[in-house]
Amino acid sequence: MAGLFHALKRGVKAAAASPDTKRYRAGGIAISCPHCQNDTFEKGAAQLNTAVATFLNLDWLNKSATILACLKCGRIQWFAGDVDRAP
């Protein structure tokens, strides 16, 4: 498990080094990190698995969530819907 967190931390640092800053909005409001107040993130997706769908091997039917990893501190925020790229 520690290896996963180490790999995630390395990925966030590598993304922070890229010149393409990524700012997002949800519901028309700019997103910032509640921990460090940074406003640049790496966007990803995560599947919201349910036990029944997994048992029936139908995980693809589950909804997915948008995740944003802060490029400064690594905090991950989850959003039920998609987020928009801020101008």
Protein backbone atom coordinates (compact mmCIF):
# COMPACT_ATOMS: atom_id res chain seq x y z
CA MET A 1 0.00 0.00 0.00
CA ALA A 2 2.88 2.35 0.74
CA GLY A 3 4.15 1.76 -2.79
CA LEU A 4 0.86 2.99 -4.21
CA PHE A 5 1.05 6.26 -2.28
CA HIS A 6 4.70 6.70 -3.25
CA ALA A 7 3.84 6.19 -6.94
CA LEU A 8 0.89 8.60 -6.69
CA LYS A 9 3.10 11.23 -5.06
CA ARG A 10 5.72 10.86 -7.83
CA GLY A 11 3.01 11.18 -10.47
CA VAL A 12 1.62 14.35 -8.92
CA LYS A 13 5.09 15.88 -8.73
CA ALA A 14 5.78 14.98 -12.37
CA ALA A 15 2.50 16.51 -13.46
CA ALA A 16 3.31 19.66 -11.49
CA ALA A 17 6.51 20.03 -13.48
CA SER A 18 4.58 20.17 -16.77
CA PRO A 19 4.09 23.67 -18.19
CA ASP A 20 0.39 23.04 -18.88
CA THR A 21 -1.40 24.21 -15.72
CA LYS A 22 -4.82 22.69 -15.29
CA ARG A 23 -7.56 24.66 -13.59
CA TYR A 24 -11.12 23.38 -13.30
CA ARG A 25 -14.64 24.55 -12.44
CA ALA A 26 -17.56 22.63 -10.96
CA GLY A 27 -21.02 24.16 -11.06
CA GLY A 28 -19.51 27.36 -12.44
CA ILE A 29 -17.23 27.82 -9.41
CA ALA A 30 -13.43 27.64 -9.62
CA ILE A 31 -12.00 24.66 -7.73
CA SER A 32 -9.19 25.15 -5.24
CA CYS A 33 -7.56 22.76 -2.82
CA PRO A 34 -9.08 23.05 0.67
CA HIS A 35 -5.73 22.04 2.19
CA CYS A 36 -3.21 24.34 0.46
CA GLN A 37 -5.44 26.67 -1.63
CA ASN A 38 -3.64 25.64 -4.85
CA ASP A 39 -5.75 25.86 -8.01
CA THR A 40 -3.97 23.45 -10.37
CA PHE A 41 -4.91 19.77 -10.58
CA GLU A 42 -4.36 16.55 -12.48
CA LYS A 43 -7.69 15.12 -13.62
CA GLY A 44 -8.58 11.44 -13.46
CA ALA A 45 -11.53 9.10 -13.15
CA ALA A 46 -12.48 6.38 -10.68
CA GLN A 47 -15.18 3.76 -10.90
CA LEU A 48 -17.77 3.68 -8.12
CA ASN A 49 -18.08 -0.09 -7.70
CA THR A 50 -21.03 -1.78 -6.06
CA ALA A 51 -20.90 -5.24 -4.52
CA VAL A 52 -23.77 -6.58 -6.63
CA ALA A 53 -22.29 -5.48 -9.96
CA THR A 54 -18.87 -6.82 -8.96
CA PHE A 55 -20.38 -10.15 -7.90
CA LEU A 56 -22.14 -10.44 -11.27
CA ASN A 57 -18.99 -9.30 -13.14
CA LEU A 58 -20.84 -6.19 -14.39
CA ASP A 59 -18.52 -3.48 -13.03
CA TRP A 60 -18.78 -1.60 -16.32
CA LEU A 61 -22.40 -0.74 -15.42
CA ASN A 62 -21.31 1.27 -12.37
CA LYS A 63 -21.07 5.04 -12.47
CA SER A 64 -17.71 6.77 -12.41
CA ALA A 65 -16.48 9.83 -10.55
CA THR A 66 -14.09 12.59 -11.57
CA ILE A 67 -11.07 12.94 -9.33
CA LEU A 68 -8.72 15.92 -9.12
CA ALA A 69 -5.29 15.52 -7.52
CA CYS A 70 -3.75 18.76 -6.28
CA LEU A 71 -0.43 19.41 -8.01
CA LYS A 72 1.01 21.08 -4.90
CA CYS A 73 0.10 18.86 -1.94
CA GLY A 74 -1.42 15.76 -3.56
CA ARG A 75 -4.83 15.93 -1.88
CA ILE A 76 -7.48 14.16 -3.96
CA GLN A 77 -10.99 15.56 -4.39
CA TRP A 78 -13.89 13.50 -5.77
CA PHE A 79 -16.75 14.87 -7.91
CA ALA A 80 -19.89 12.90 -8.78
CA GLY A 81 -20.13 14.52 -12.21
CA ASP A 82 -17.66 15.84 -14.72
CA VAL A 83 -15.78 19.09 -14.13
CA ASP A 84 -15.10 21.77 -16.72
CA ARG A 85 -11.71 23.13 -17.70
CA ALA A 86 -11.42 26.74 -16.53
CA PRO A 87 -10.37 29.33 -19.13
